[in-house]
C-alpha atoms as a PDB file:
ATOM      1  CA  MET A   1      33.500  75.320  45.128  1.00  0.00           C
ATOM      2  CA  PRO A   2      35.843  77.101  42.531  1.00  0.00           C
ATOM      3  CA  ARG A   3      38.336  74.377  42.882  1.00  0.00           C
ATOM      4  CA  LEU A   4      35.705  71.832  41.464  1.00  0.00           C
ATOM      5  CA  ILE A   5      35.179  73.638  38.783  1.00  0.00           C
ATOM      6  CA  LEU A   6      38.539  74.218  38.084  1.00  0.00           C
ATOM      7  CA  TRP A   7      39.587  70.549  38.329  1.00  0.00           C
ATOM      8  CA  LYS A   8      36.280  69.560  36.443  1.00  0.00           C
ATOM      9  CA  ASP A   9      37.570  72.243  33.535  1.00  0.00           C
ATOM     10  CA  GLU A  10      41.262  70.476  33.231  1.00  0.00           C
ATOM     11  CA  GLN A  11      39.618  66.883  33.089  1.00  0.00           C
ATOM     12  CA  MET A  12      36.906  68.053  30.327  1.00  0.00           C
ATOM     13  CA  GLY A  13      40.222  69.378  28.386  1.00  0.00           C
ATOM     14  CA  LYS A  14      42.230  66.630  28.754  1.00  0.00           C
ATOM     15  CA  LEU A  15      39.236  64.145  27.614  1.00  0.00           C
ATOM     16  CA  ARG A  16      38.777  66.183  24.585  1.00  0.00           C
ATOM     17  CA  ARG A  17      42.347  66.294  23.483  1.00  0.00           C
ATOM     18  CA  ASP A  18      42.481  62.663  24.208  1.00  0.00           C
ATOM     19  CA  MET A  19      39.261  62.293  21.782  1.00  0.00           C
ATOM     20  CA  ASP A  20      40.790  64.341  19.266  1.00  0.00           C
ATOM     21  CA  ARG A  21      44.352  62.534  19.310  1.00  0.00           C
ATOM     22  CA  LEU A  22      42.095  59.174  18.887  1.00  0.00           C
ATOM     23  CA  TYR A  23      39.889  60.641  15.803  1.00  0.00           C
ATOM     24  CA  HIS A  24      43.370  62.034  13.827  1.00  0.00           C
ATOM     25  CA  ARG A  25      45.062  58.395  14.983  1.00  0.00           C
ATOM     26  CA  VAL A  26      41.996  56.265  13.489  1.00  0.00           C
ATOM     27  CA  TYR A  27      41.333  58.897  10.362  1.00  0.00           C
ATOM     28  CA  GLY A  28      45.047  58.926   9.743  1.00  0.00           C
ATOM     29  CA  GLU A  29      45.451  54.745   9.606  1.00  0.00           C
ATOM     30  CA  PHE A  30      42.488  54.370   6.895  1.00  0.00           C
ATOM     31  CA  GLY A  31      43.952  57.277   5.131  1.00  0.00           C
ATOM     32  CA  ILE A  32      40.801  59.277   5.438  1.00  0.00           C
ATOM     33  CA  PRO A  33      41.592  62.941   6.192  1.00  0.00           C
ATOM     34  CA  LEU A  34      39.828  64.431   9.194  1.00  0.00           C
ATOM     35  CA  ILE A  35      38.675  67.328   7.518  1.00  0.00           C
ATOM     36  CA  SER A  36      38.392  67.873   3.557  1.00  0.00           C
ATOM     37  CA  THR A  37      40.727  69.367   1.482  1.00  0.00           C
ATOM     38  CA  THR A  38      38.720  71.603  -0.117  1.00  0.00           C
ATOM     39  CA  LEU A  39      37.402  72.862   3.123  1.00  0.00           C
ATOM     40  CA  ARG A  40      40.864  73.367   4.674  1.00  0.00           C
ATOM     41  CA  ASP A  41      42.374  74.999   1.387  1.00  0.00           C
ATOM     42  CA  ALA A  42      39.067  77.477   0.818  1.00  0.00           C
ATOM     43  CA  PRO A  43      40.027  80.642   0.200  1.00  0.00           C
ATOM     44  CA  PHE A  44      39.869  83.531   2.326  1.00  0.00           C
ATOM     45  CA  MET A  45      37.589  86.805   1.024  1.00  0.00           C
ATOM     46  CA  ASP A  46      39.207  90.022   1.237  1.00  0.00           C
ATOM     47  CA  LEU A  47      36.688  92.679   1.481  1.00  0.00           C
ATOM     48  CA  SER A  48      37.620  96.559   1.022  1.00  0.00           C
ATOM     49  CA  GLU A  49      35.197  99.576   0.789  1.00  0.00           C
ATOM     50  CA  THR A  50      35.607 102.738  -1.093  1.00  0.00           C
ATOM     51  CA  GLU A  51      33.438 105.758  -1.685  1.00  0.00           C
ATOM     52  CA  ASP A  52      31.409 103.998  -4.273  1.00  0.00           C
ATOM     53  CA  ASN A  53      31.908 100.361  -4.637  1.00  0.00           C
ATOM     54  CA  LEU A  54      32.700  97.245  -2.743  1.00  0.00           C
ATOM     55  CA  ILE A  55      35.326  95.358  -3.512  1.00  0.00           C
ATOM     56  CA  VAL A  56      35.930  91.454  -2.945  1.00  0.00           C
ATOM     57  CA  ARG A  57      39.100  89.808  -3.757  1.00  0.00           C
ATOM     58  CA  THR A  58      40.085  86.183  -2.909  1.00  0.00           C
ATOM     59  CA  LYS A  59      42.933  83.595  -4.429  1.00  0.00           C
ATOM     60  CA  ILE A  60      41.458  80.549  -6.248  1.00  0.00           C
ATOM     61  CA  SER A  61      44.153  78.883  -7.987  1.00  0.00           C
ATOM     62  CA  ASN A  62      43.819  75.764 -10.044  1.00  0.00           C
ATOM     63  CA  ILE A  63      39.915  76.700 -11.216  1.00  0.00           C
ATOM     64  CA  ASP A  64      38.277  76.980 -14.238  1.00  0.00           C
ATOM     65  CA  PRO A  65      36.519  80.210 -14.346  1.00  0.00           C
ATOM     66  CA  LYS A  66      33.623  78.222 -15.847  1.00  0.00           C
ATOM     67  CA  ASP A  67      33.343  76.149 -12.855  1.00  0.00           C
ATOM     68  CA  LEU A  68      32.679  79.267 -10.490  1.00  0.00           C
ATOM     69  CA  ASP A  69      28.947  80.652  -9.543  1.00  0.00           C
ATOM     70  CA  ILE A  70      28.878  83.860  -8.094  1.00  0.00           C
ATOM     71  CA  SER A  71      25.464  85.363  -6.976  1.00  0.00           C
ATOM     72  CA  VAL A  72      24.813  88.381  -5.248  1.00  0.00           C
ATOM     73  CA  THR A  73      21.476  89.685  -3.477  1.00  0.00           C
ATOM     74  CA  ARG A  74      21.463  93.121  -2.424  1.00  0.00           C
ATOM     75  CA  ASP A  75      23.043  92.473   1.200  1.00  0.00           C
ATOM     76  CA  THR A  76      24.726  88.922   0.312  1.00  0.00           C
ATOM     77  CA  LEU A  77      27.491  87.629  -1.452  1.00  0.00           C
ATOM     78  CA  ARG A  78      27.615  83.937  -2.495  1.00  0.00           C
ATOM     79  CA  VAL A  79      30.945  82.024  -4.011  1.00  0.00           C
ATOM     80  CA  ASN A  80      30.758  78.407  -5.490  1.00  0.00           C
ATOM     81  CA  ALA A  81      33.983  76.652  -6.634  1.00  0.00           C
ATOM     82  CA  ARG A  82      34.008  73.126  -8.152  1.00  0.00           C
ATOM     83  CA  SER A  83      37.807  71.965  -8.770  1.00  0.00           C
ATOM     84  CA  ARG A  84      38.595  68.992 -10.696  1.00  0.00           C
ATOM     85  CA  LYS A  85      42.257  67.370 -10.908  1.00  0.00           C
ATOM     86  CA  GLU A  86      43.405  64.559 -12.598  1.00  0.00           C
ATOM     87  CA  ARG A  87      46.837  63.015 -12.542  1.00  0.00           C
ATOM     88  CA  VAL A  88      48.095  59.654 -14.668  1.00  0.00           C
ATOM     89  CA  ASP A  89      50.982  57.903 -13.626  1.00  0.00           C
ATOM     90  CA  GLU A  90      52.099  54.978 -15.895  1.00  0.00           C
ATOM     91  CA  THR A  91      54.983  53.002 -14.157  1.00  0.00           C
ATOM     92  CA  GLY A  92      55.558  49.220 -14.669  1.00  0.00           C
ATOM     93  CA  GLY A  93      52.936  48.482 -17.394  1.00  0.00           C
ATOM     94  CA  TYR A  94      50.024  49.985 -15.481  1.00  0.00           C
ATOM     95  CA  ARG A  95      48.250  53.292 -15.906  1.00  0.00           C
ATOM     96  CA  TYR A  96      47.118  54.908 -12.366  1.00  0.00           C
ATOM     97  CA  THR A  97      44.216  57.345 -12.946  1.00  0.00           C
ATOM     98  CA  ARG A  98      43.470  59.680  -9.751  1.00  0.00           C
ATOM     99  CA  ARG A  99      40.590  61.772 -10.058  1.00  0.00           C
ATOM    100  CA  GLN A 100      39.894  64.407  -7.041  1.00  0.00           C
ATOM    101  CA  ARG A 101      37.464  66.841  -7.199  1.00  0.00           C
ATOM    102  CA  GLY A 102      35.929  68.628  -4.488  1.00  0.00           C
ATOM    103  CA  SER A 103      33.546  72.360  -3.810  1.00  0.00           C
ATOM    104  CA  TYR A 104      33.212  74.712  -1.279  1.00  0.00           C
ATOM    105  CA  SER A 105      31.048  77.739  -0.832  1.00  0.00           C
ATOM    106  CA  ARG A 106      31.602  80.976   0.775  1.00  0.00           C
ATOM    107  CA  THR A 107      28.674  83.244   1.950  1.00  0.00           C
ATOM    108  CA  LEU A 108      29.626  86.900   2.719  1.00  0.00           C
ATOM    109  CA  GLN A 109      27.118  89.053   4.520  1.00  0.00           C
ATOM    110  CA  LEU A 110      27.610  92.734   2.899  1.00  0.00           C
ATOM    111  CA  PRO A 111      27.970  96.147   5.116  1.00  0.00           C
ATOM    112  CA  CYS A 112      25.593  98.156   2.839  1.00  0.00           C
ATOM    113  CA  ARG A 113      23.047  97.339  -0.084  1.00  0.00           C
ATOM    114  CA  VAL A 114      24.582  97.246  -3.788  1.00  0.00           C
ATOM    115  CA  GLU A 115      23.212  97.553  -7.323  1.00  0.00           C
ATOM    116  CA  VAL A 116      22.985  93.659  -7.986  1.00  0.00           C
ATOM    117  CA  ASP A 117      22.266  94.926 -12.024  1.00  0.00           C
ATOM    118  CA  ASP A 118      25.678  96.438 -11.994  1.00  0.00           C
ATOM    119  CA  VAL A 119      28.279  93.721 -10.212  1.00  0.00           C
ATOM    120  CA  LYS A 120      31.396  92.902 -12.134  1.00  0.00           C
ATOM    121  CA  ALA A 121      33.567  90.034 -11.809  1.00  0.00           C
ATOM    122  CA  THR A 122      37.075  89.399 -12.933  1.00  0.00           C
ATOM    123  CA  TYR A 123      39.395  86.404 -12.961  1.00  0.00           C
ATOM    124  CA  SER A 124      43.235  86.855 -13.855  1.00  0.00           C
ATOM    125  CA  LYS A 125      45.938  84.386 -14.951  1.00  0.00           C
ATOM    126  CA  GLU A 126      47.219  84.365 -11.488  1.00  0.00           C
ATOM    127  CA  GLY A 127      44.100  82.855  -9.895  1.00  0.00           C
ATOM    128  CA  ILE A 128      42.685  86.685  -8.717  1.00  0.00           C
ATOM    129  CA  LEU A 129      38.725  86.670  -8.311  1.00  0.00           C
ATOM    130  CA  ASN A 130      38.070  90.138  -8.098  1.00  0.00           C
ATOM    131  CA  ILE A 131      34.113  91.327  -7.285  1.00  0.00           C
ATOM    132  CA  VAL A 132      33.436  95.020  -7.632  1.00  0.00           C
ATOM    133  CA  MET A 133      29.865  95.758  -6.126  1.00  0.00           C
ATOM    134  CA  PRO A 134      28.419  99.464  -6.512  1.00  0.00           C
ATOM    135  CA  LYS A 135      26.532 100.871  -3.651  1.00  0.00           C
ATOM    136  CA  CYS A 136      22.893 101.768  -3.786  1.00  0.00           C
ATOM    137  CA  LYS A 137      22.915 105.597  -3.450  1.00  0.00           C
ATOM    138  CA  PRO A 138      21.115 106.576  -0.549  1.00  0.00           C
ATOM    139  CA  GLU A 139      17.777 107.256  -0.754  1.00  0.00           C
ATOM    140  CA  LYS A 140      16.662 110.748  -0.329  1.00  0.00           C
ATOM    141  CA  ALA A 141      14.024 112.002   2.090  1.00  0.00           C
ATOM    142  CA  ARG A 142      10.527 112.617   0.205  1.00  0.00           C
ATOM    143  CA  LYS A 143       8.839 115.604   2.035  1.00  0.00           C
ATOM    144  CA  ILE A 144       5.287 114.618   2.607  1.00  0.00           C
ATOM    145  CA  GLU A 145       2.647 117.266   2.597  1.00  0.00           C
ATOM    146  CA  VAL A 146      -0.052 117.204   5.053  1.00  0.00           C
ATOM    147  CA  ASP A 147      -3.764 118.193   4.027  1.00  0.00           C
ATOM    148  CA  VAL A 148      -5.765 119.714   6.266  1.00  0.00           C
ATOM    149  CA  THR A 149      -9.398 118.850   6.237  1.00  0.00           C
END
């Protein structure tokens, strides 16, 4: 019986590779990328933690800061970005304009609660987005007196 399972896995793997090759070939011939460039080029987010803050750093190039939408709840960070590129070529008396638009959204589950009102975000000229989120202070236990009746 193990030999049958091994053969089945090999055949399924071969079928999967053949299907992937077929999809790439068909989409490539029509000039349609199989994975959208915005999804493929979505930046990684680095999360670091200090004693008082959570810090998220990501490199987002070719984005106007006005096209960034950052939202934070007590335990979730969401970064939405829209990119717009336009290229104009003028050759042989023709003007060719190529517009490319894309968007992506990244959601990050935070390891602890943060103070939503004190979150700060900065975007540098090099395309680095820094988001500093102060951690919530731990709640103090409240002693409750028991009334004897």
